[in-house]
Amino acid sequence: MSSVTTTTKHVHFTNTPKSAQSISTTSNLLLGTPSTTKRLSGSCQQVIEEDYTETRARIIVRSCLADSQLYPVISGHKCNKVTLVPSSLWADMALTVGAYVWNTLRPHTDVPGLNVCDMDVPKSLIAQVPQTQPGQFVEIEAEAELEGELGVMRCKFRSVYPDGSKIQDHATCLLRYESREDWKQDWSRFGHMVKNSIKALQEKAMTSGAHRMQSGLAYKVFESFVTYSDKYRGMNEVVFDGLEGTSSVEFKTGPEDLCGPYHLDNSCHLSGFLCNASDMGAEDNVYISEGWQGFKCLNPEMLTSSPQSKLTNYVLMQPKPKSILRGDVYILKDDEVVAVWEGIAFKRLPRRVINILLPPPKKI
């Protein structure tokens, strides 16, 4: 991914008192001046600091949630009617910075496989909708160490004031530089089992041994807790039997969109659907995301470009201690595994606890 210098557009501000505004004219650029802005993407809008040796890097990148590309990603993701920054944004930022760091330290070489590991989000960021001036800001701070064709990058995500002073830490993850060929060899050993499981589910659905559900009804299952805008609704027909399921996926993004967060979310919705669909009778409980152990994708353009061909995914969620369901989501294109979410997990919580952690907005 190459970096470019550009002017960042910001939108969706609500009216605020003059004392709350830090921008005197619309000509001010919220993240700096055009001459100093190095924009990597809609999720990584300005490189604030970067320092390199031959094998190491440290970088801080800042973004404003009011950015014209980023705001729709944020405003279209609500949990318990509260607008939350999705974990897929943190993953997209890690992938973008990871590729940028590699290209800086290893120019003229291909970026290896990028594995987003051990995503942990102990404190979700609640977004303001609409944004008040000057907007909410987030940062990724990453430290990378490369060894030949491999390496690791440690990432921390936080909310900050416009001057960069920290408000709160929100998430951490590792990004590992790995061999795509090793991934292919691993997936070739069990790819046929995944395809056979999908075929078996489809056959069971023909005899009413498994449930078949179209997109609209499937996303209704989510609406008891999560509300998605249209571009998040990439999961089409779903076939499932208990905690095992498969779905077709068709991304709804266009060329103007920040595709990464949408596509990441779309590709693993099946796991959260199965958790909540299996417990539909228990209206007092909700399954919430507990992060994942790894995300590997052979083709980064699958995440960053639009339009895309249709995908198929499959997962078997399994009960674990502490009311957790965990599974591996396999993503297939043309009958071949092209990406895997490893150890994606959801925790069952009573709704009364959710209403304390994420109190829904009061009706006016």
Protein backbone atom coordinates (compact mmCIF):
# COMPACT_ATOMS: atom_id res chain seq x y z
CA MET A 1 0.00 0.00 0.00
CA SER A 2 1.55 3.31 -1.01
CA SER A 3 1.17 6.54 0.90
CA VAL A 4 -0.07 9.76 -0.64
CA THR A 5 -0.42 13.33 0.49
CA THR A 6 -3.99 14.53 0.36
CA THR A 7 -6.45 16.81 2.05
CA THR A 8 -8.72 14.99 4.49
CA LYS A 9 -12.42 15.77 4.23
CA HIS A 10 -14.48 15.73 7.41
CA VAL A 11 -18.24 15.54 7.61
CA HIS A 12 -21.18 14.87 9.90
CA PHE A 13 -20.52 17.48 12.57
CA THR A 14 -23.41 18.53 14.73
CA ASN A 15 -23.77 22.12 15.94
CA THR A 16 -21.79 22.77 19.12
CA PRO A 17 -21.21 25.82 21.32
CA LYS A 18 -18.32 28.03 20.24
CA SER A 19 -16.45 27.10 23.43
CA ALA A 20 -16.41 23.45 22.34
CA GLN A 21 -15.04 24.17 18.87
CA SER A 22 -11.32 24.18 18.19
CA ILE A 23 -11.58 24.96 14.47
CA SER A 24 -11.95 28.60 13.53
CA THR A 25 -12.42 28.17 9.79
CA THR A 26 -13.28 25.36 7.45
CA SER A 27 -9.91 25.76 5.76
CA ASN A 28 -8.11 24.28 8.78
CA LEU A 29 -7.15 20.65 8.36
CA LEU A 30 -8.05 18.78 11.52
CA LEU A 31 -5.06 16.43 11.41
CA GLY A 32 -2.37 18.93 10.44
CA THR A 33 -1.37 20.90 7.37
CA PRO A 34 -1.45 19.50 3.82
CA SER A 35 2.33 19.80 3.59
CA THR A 36 2.85 17.38 6.50
CA THR A 37 -0.02 14.94 6.02
CA LYS A 38 0.99 11.46 4.88
CA ARG A 39 -2.27 9.60 4.45
CA LEU A 40 -2.12 5.81 4.16
CA SER A 41 -5.88 5.14 3.94
CA GLY A 42 -9.24 6.23 5.28
CA SER A 43 -8.51 4.35 8.50
CA CYS A 44 -4.88 5.55 8.78
CA GLN A 45 -5.10 9.23 7.92
CA GLN A 46 -1.85 10.76 9.17
CA VAL A 47 1.55 9.38 10.05
CA ILE A 48 2.48 11.29 13.21
CA GLU A 49 5.81 9.66 14.05
CA GLU A 50 7.99 7.04 12.38
CA ASP A 51 11.45 5.82 13.24
CA TYR A 52 13.41 3.04 11.51
CA THR A 53 16.58 1.01 11.77
CA GLU A 54 17.49 -1.79 9.36
CA THR A 55 15.23 -4.30 11.10
CA ARG A 56 13.02 -2.30 13.46
CA ALA A 57 10.28 0.28 13.16
CA ARG A 58 8.17 2.39 15.47
CA ILE A 59 5.21 4.31 14.05
CA ILE A 60 2.20 6.27 15.27
CA VAL A 61 -0.71 6.95 12.93
CA ARG A 62 -3.70 9.13 13.86
CA SER A 63 -7.20 9.27 12.38
CA CYS A 64 -10.37 11.27 12.93
CA LEU A 65 -13.68 9.43 13.08
CA ALA A 66 -15.36 12.35 11.30
CA ASP A 67 -13.38 11.61 8.12
CA SER A 68 -15.70 11.30 5.13
CA GLN A 69 -14.61 7.68 4.49
CA LEU A 70 -14.36 6.55 8.10
CA TYR A 71 -17.55 8.05 9.51
CA PRO A 72 -19.95 5.70 7.64
CA VAL A 73 -17.97 2.71 8.95
CA ILE A 74 -18.44 3.92 12.51
CA SER A 75 -22.03 5.15 12.33
CA GLY A 76 -23.24 1.90 10.71
CA HIS A 77 -22.24 -0.32 13.64
CA LYS A 78 -24.44 -0.21 16.75
CA CYS A 79 -24.50 -2.58 19.73
CA ASN A 80 -27.42 -2.32 22.14
CA LYS A 81 -28.29 0.85 20.16
CA VAL A 82 -24.91 2.34 21.09
CA THR A 83 -22.54 3.32 18.25
CA LEU A 84 -19.34 1.32 18.80
CA VAL A 85 -16.08 1.31 16.89
CA PRO A 86 -15.94 -2.24 15.45
CA SER A 87 -12.93 -4.48 16.07
CA SER A 88 -12.64 -4.76 12.29
CA LEU A 89 -11.42 -1.14 12.22
CA TRP A 90 -8.51 -1.98 14.52
CA ALA A 91 -7.69 -4.97 12.31
CA ASP A 92 -7.82 -2.83 9.16
CA MET A 93 -5.48 -0.28 10.75
CA ALA A 94 -3.04 -3.04 11.73
CA LEU A 95 -3.04 -4.50 8.21
CA THR A 96 -2.54 -1.07 6.61
CA VAL A 97 0.32 -0.07 8.90
CA GLY A 98 1.85 -3.55 8.69
CA ALA A 99 2.07 -3.35 4.90
CA TYR A 100 3.41 0.22 5.04
CA VAL A 101 6.16 -0.73 7.52
CA TRP A 102 7.18 -3.73 5.41
CA ASN A 103 7.38 -1.64 2.23
CA THR A 104 9.49 0.92 4.08
CA LEU A 105 11.96 -1.58 5.59
CA ARG A 106 11.93 -4.05 2.68
CA PRO A 107 11.35 -1.99 -0.47
CA HIS A 108 11.19 -3.85 -3.78
CA THR A 109 10.06 -7.07 -2.03
CA ASP A 110 6.57 -8.54 -1.86
CA VAL A 111 4.66 -8.07 1.38
CA PRO A 112 4.36 -11.51 3.03
CA GLY A 113 1.23 -12.92 4.64
CA LEU A 114 -0.14 -10.64 7.36
CA ASN A 115 -1.65 -12.53 10.29
CA VAL A 116 -3.64 -10.36 12.73
CA CYS A 117 -3.27 -12.29 15.98
CA ASP A 118 -4.56 -12.14 19.55
CA MET A 119 -6.99 -9.27 19.07
CA ASP A 120 -8.08 -8.13 22.53
CA VAL A 121 -10.56 -5.27 23.04
CA PRO A 122 -10.97 -4.76 26.79
CA LYS A 123 -12.58 -1.33 26.39
CA SER A 124 -14.72 -0.60 23.34
CA LEU A 125 -14.78 2.96 22.03
CA ILE A 126 -18.20 4.59 21.94
CA ALA A 127 -18.47 6.92 18.95
CA GLN A 128 -20.36 10.18 18.82
CA VAL A 129 -23.06 10.31 16.15
CA PRO A 130 -23.03 12.86 14.71
CA GLN A 131 -19.47 13.94 15.49
CA THR A 132 -18.93 17.20 17.36
CA GLN A 133 -16.05 19.45 16.31
CA PRO A 134 -13.18 18.80 16.14
CA GLY A 135 -14.16 15.12 16.06
CA GLN A 136 -12.98 12.02 17.89
CA PHE A 137 -9.43 10.85 17.20
CA VAL A 138 -7.85 7.41 17.42
CA GLU A 139 -4.26 6.25 17.10
CA ILE A 140 -2.39 3.07 16.38
CA GLU A 141 1.08 2.80 17.88
CA ALA A 142 3.07 -0.05 16.39
CA GLU A 143 6.54 -1.47 16.98
CA ALA A 144 7.83 -3.93 14.40
CA GLU A 145 10.85 -6.23 14.30
CA LEU A 146 11.69 -8.03 11.08
CA GLU A 147 13.89 -11.08 10.64
CA GLY A 148 14.52 -11.79 6.97
CA GLU A 149 11.19 -12.68 5.38
CA LEU A 150 9.32 -12.89 8.71
CA GLY A 151 8.73 -10.72 11.74
CA VAL A 152 6.18 -9.36 14.20
CA MET A 153 4.51 -6.01 14.87
CA ARG A 154 2.93 -5.18 18.22
CA CYS A 155 -0.02 -2.82 18.00
CA LYS A 156 -1.82 -0.67 20.55
CA PHE A 157 -4.98 1.32 19.81
CA ARG A 158 -6.19 4.31 21.80
CA SER A 159 -8.42 7.35 21.67
CA VAL A 160 -6.65 10.70 21.87
CA TYR A 161 -7.30 14.41 21.93
CA PRO A 162 -6.47 16.36 18.74
CA ASP A 163 -3.01 17.17 20.16
CA GLY A 164 -2.29 13.45 20.62
CA SER A 165 -2.56 13.24 24.40
CA LYS A 166 -4.14 9.94 25.40
CA ILE A 167 -7.73 9.59 26.52
CA GLN A 168 -7.96 5.81 26.87
CA ASP A 169 -6.46 2.53 25.65
CA HIS A 170 -8.95 0.35 23.76
CA ALA A 171 -7.33 -2.65 22.08
CA THR A 172 -4.12 -4.57 21.38
CA CYS A 173 -3.06 -7.14 18.81
CA LEU A 174 -0.05 -8.71 17.15
CA LEU A 175 0.57 -8.71 13.43
CA ARG A 176 2.84 -11.52 12.31
CA TYR A 177 4.64 -11.53 8.96
CA GLU A 178 4.27 -15.12 7.75
CA SER A 179 4.64 -17.31 4.67
CA ARG A 180 1.56 -17.53 2.44
CA GLU A 181 2.93 -20.81 1.06
CA ASP A 182 2.88 -22.30 4.56
CA TRP A 183 -0.74 -21.19 4.90
CA LYS A 184 -1.65 -22.85 1.61
CA GLN A 185 -0.03 -26.12 2.65
CA ASP A 186 -1.86 -26.12 5.99
CA TRP A 187 -5.21 -25.35 4.37
CA SER A 188 -4.78 -27.97 1.65
CA ARG A 189 -4.76 -30.67 4.33
CA PHE A 190 -8.27 -29.92 5.55
CA GLY A 191 -9.82 -27.96 2.67
CA HIS A 192 -11.64 -31.04 1.40
CA MET A 193 -13.20 -31.60 4.84
CA VAL A 194 -14.52 -28.05 4.86
CA LYS A 195 -16.03 -28.50 1.39
CA ASN A 196 -17.59 -31.82 2.40
CA SER A 197 -19.11 -30.21 5.50
CA ILE A 198 -20.63 -27.44 3.38
CA LYS A 199 -22.03 -30.01 0.95
CA ALA A 200 -23.51 -32.04 3.80
CA LEU A 201 -25.25 -28.99 5.24
CA GLN A 202 -26.72 -28.08 1.85
CA GLU A 203 -28.04 -31.63 1.45
CA LYS A 204 -29.55 -31.62 4.94
CA ALA A 205 -31.33 -28.36 4.15
CA MET A 206 -33.01 -30.02 1.15
CA THR A 207 -34.62 -32.57 3.49
CA SER A 208 -35.35 -30.05 6.29
CA GLY A 209 -32.53 -31.50 8.38
CA ALA A 210 -30.92 -28.06 8.49
CA HIS A 211 -32.32 -24.54 8.45
CA ARG A 212 -32.07 -22.23 5.46
CA MET A 213 -32.44 -18.50 6.06
CA GLN A 214 -32.19 -15.53 3.69
CA SER A 215 -30.18 -12.39 4.45
CA GLY A 216 -33.01 -10.22 5.75
CA LEU A 217 -34.20 -12.75 8.30
CA ALA A 218 -30.63 -13.70 9.25
CA TYR A 219 -29.77 -10.14 10.18
CA LYS A 220 -33.00 -9.92 12.16
CA VAL A 221 -31.36 -12.44 14.50
CA PHE A 222 -28.61 -9.91 15.15
CA GLU A 223 -30.99 -7.03 15.77
CA SER A 224 -31.72 -8.07 19.34
CA PHE A 225 -28.24 -6.69 20.08
CA VAL A 226 -26.38 -5.52 16.94
CA THR A 227 -27.72 -3.17 14.25
CA TYR A 228 -25.82 -3.01 10.95
CA SER A 229 -26.09 -0.52 8.11
CA ASP A 230 -26.62 -1.97 4.63
CA LYS A 231 -22.92 -2.19 3.73
CA TYR A 232 -22.27 -4.41 6.74
CA ARG A 233 -24.92 -6.88 5.55
CA GLY A 234 -22.74 -8.99 3.26
CA MET A 235 -23.98 -12.36 4.52
CA ASN A 236 -26.59 -13.68 2.10
CA GLU A 237 -28.28 -17.07 2.40
CA VAL A 238 -27.37 -19.02 5.56
CA VAL A 239 -27.67 -22.78 6.04
CA PHE A 240 -27.16 -24.00 9.59
CA ASP A 241 -27.74 -26.85 11.99
CA GLY A 242 -27.16 -25.87 15.59
CA LEU A 243 -23.68 -24.38 15.92
CA GLU A 244 -22.54 -25.48 12.45
CA GLY A 245 -23.25 -23.35 9.42
CA THR A 246 -22.31 -22.02 6.01
CA SER A 247 -23.27 -18.84 4.19
CA SER A 248 -22.69 -17.07 0.91
CA VAL A 249 -21.04 -13.67 1.21
CA GLU A 250 -21.32 -10.78 -1.22
CA PHE A 251 -19.79 -7.46 -0.23
CA LYS A 252 -22.02 -4.41 -0.65
CA THR A 253 -19.30 -1.77 -0.85
CA GLY A 254 -18.46 0.54 -3.74
CA PRO A 255 -15.23 2.10 -5.04
CA GLU A 256 -15.72 5.16 -2.83
CA ASP A 257 -15.88 3.16 0.41
CA LEU A 258 -13.28 2.27 3.00
CA CYS A 259 -13.78 -1.41 2.26
CA GLY A 260 -11.53 -3.11 4.80
CA PRO A 261 -13.63 -2.85 7.99
CA TYR A 262 -16.82 -3.80 6.13
CA HIS A 263 -15.25 -6.80 4.39
CA LEU A 264 -13.57 -8.07 7.54
CA ASP A 265 -16.85 -7.89 9.46
CA ASN A 266 -18.84 -9.44 6.60
CA SER A 267 -16.50 -12.39 6.26
CA CYS A 268 -17.02 -13.60 9.84
CA HIS A 269 -20.65 -12.63 10.60
CA LEU A 270 -21.61 -16.29 10.36
CA SER A 271 -19.91 -17.05 13.67
CA GLY A 272 -21.85 -14.43 15.63
CA PHE A 273 -25.06 -15.39 13.86
CA LEU A 274 -24.76 -19.04 14.91
CA CYS A 275 -24.06 -18.12 18.53
CA ASN A 276 -27.13 -15.94 18.81
CA ALA A 277 -29.38 -18.08 16.59
CA SER A 278 -28.66 -21.15 18.74
CA ASP A 279 -29.81 -19.22 21.80
CA MET A 280 -32.80 -17.39 20.31
CA GLY A 281 -35.15 -18.75 22.95
CA ALA A 282 -33.10 -17.18 25.72
CA GLU A 283 -33.98 -13.52 25.26
CA ASP A 284 -32.23 -12.61 28.50
CA ASN A 285 -28.80 -13.47 27.04
CA VAL A 286 -26.56 -12.08 24.31
CA TYR A 287 -23.31 -13.33 22.76
CA ILE A 288 -20.67 -10.63 22.36
CA SER A 289 -17.35 -10.79 20.52
CA GLU A 290 -14.30 -11.82 22.54
CA GLY A 291 -11.80 -11.26 19.73
CA TRP A 292 -9.86 -13.88 17.80
CA GLN A 293 -6.58 -15.77 17.78
CA GLY A 294 -5.59 -15.12 14.16
CA PHE A 295 -6.79 -13.81 10.81
CA LYS A 296 -5.01 -14.88 7.62
CA CYS A 297 -5.93 -13.84 4.09
CA LEU A 298 -4.07 -14.93 0.94
CA ASN A 299 -5.31 -12.01 -1.15
CA PRO A 300 -5.28 -8.57 0.56
CA GLU A 301 -7.27 -7.13 -2.36
CA MET A 302 -10.21 -9.20 -1.14
CA LEU A 303 -10.35 -6.80 1.81
CA THR A 304 -9.45 -3.50 0.19
CA SER A 305 -11.09 -3.54 -3.25
CA SER A 306 -14.61 -3.46 -4.60
CA PRO A 307 -16.42 -5.06 -6.35
CA GLN A 308 -15.64 -8.62 -5.36
CA SER A 309 -16.73 -12.05 -6.47
CA LYS A 310 -18.96 -14.07 -4.19
CA LEU A 311 -17.43 -16.00 -1.30
CA THR A 312 -18.59 -18.90 0.85
CA ASN A 313 -17.73 -19.42 4.50
CA TYR A 314 -18.11 -22.23 7.02
CA VAL A 315 -17.71 -22.57 10.78
CA LEU A 316 -18.43 -25.00 13.59
CA MET A 317 -18.65 -23.10 16.90
CA GLN A 318 -17.81 -25.20 19.95
CA PRO A 319 -18.60 -24.62 23.64
CA LYS A 320 -15.66 -23.66 25.84
CA PRO A 321 -15.40 -22.84 29.57
CA LYS A 322 -16.76 -19.56 30.95
CA SER A 323 -19.79 -19.47 28.62
CA ILE A 324 -17.65 -19.01 25.50
CA LEU A 325 -18.25 -20.38 22.01
CA ARG A 326 -15.17 -20.61 19.78
CA GLY A 327 -14.52 -21.72 16.21
CA ASP A 328 -12.51 -21.28 13.01
CA VAL A 329 -14.25 -19.50 10.12
CA TYR A 330 -13.06 -20.75 6.71
CA ILE A 331 -13.58 -18.45 3.72
CA LEU A 332 -13.64 -20.02 0.27
CA LYS A 333 -13.46 -18.60 -3.23
CA ASP A 334 -14.00 -20.93 -6.21
CA ASP A 335 -13.97 -23.89 -3.78
CA GLU A 336 -10.54 -23.02 -2.39
CA VAL A 337 -9.80 -21.73 1.13
CA VAL A 338 -8.49 -18.17 0.76
CA ALA A 339 -8.79 -16.86 4.34
CA VAL A 340 -9.32 -18.15 7.87
CA TRP A 341 -10.44 -16.57 11.12
CA GLU A 342 -8.75 -18.72 13.77
CA GLY A 343 -10.25 -19.07 17.23
CA ILE A 344 -12.95 -16.44 16.84
CA ALA A 345 -14.84 -16.32 20.14
CA PHE A 346 -18.13 -15.06 21.58
CA LYS A 347 -19.06 -14.86 25.24
CA ARG A 348 -22.59 -15.30 26.57
CA LEU A 349 -23.67 -12.48 28.89
CA PRO A 350 -26.99 -11.69 30.54
CA ARG A 351 -28.74 -8.76 28.91
CA ARG A 352 -28.92 -6.99 32.27
CA VAL A 353 -25.10 -6.94 32.32
CA ILE A 354 -25.01 -5.61 28.76
CA ASN A 355 -27.41 -2.83 29.72
CA ILE A 356 -24.96 -1.80 32.46
CA LEU A 357 -21.85 -2.00 30.26
CA LEU A 358 -23.56 -0.41 27.24
CA PRO A 359 -26.63 1.45 28.47
CA PRO A 360 -28.87 2.14 25.47
CA PRO A 361 -29.62 5.82 24.73
CA LYS A 362 -32.58 7.21 26.59
CA LYS A 363 -35.61 7.94 24.49
CA ILE A 364 -36.32 11.64 24.19
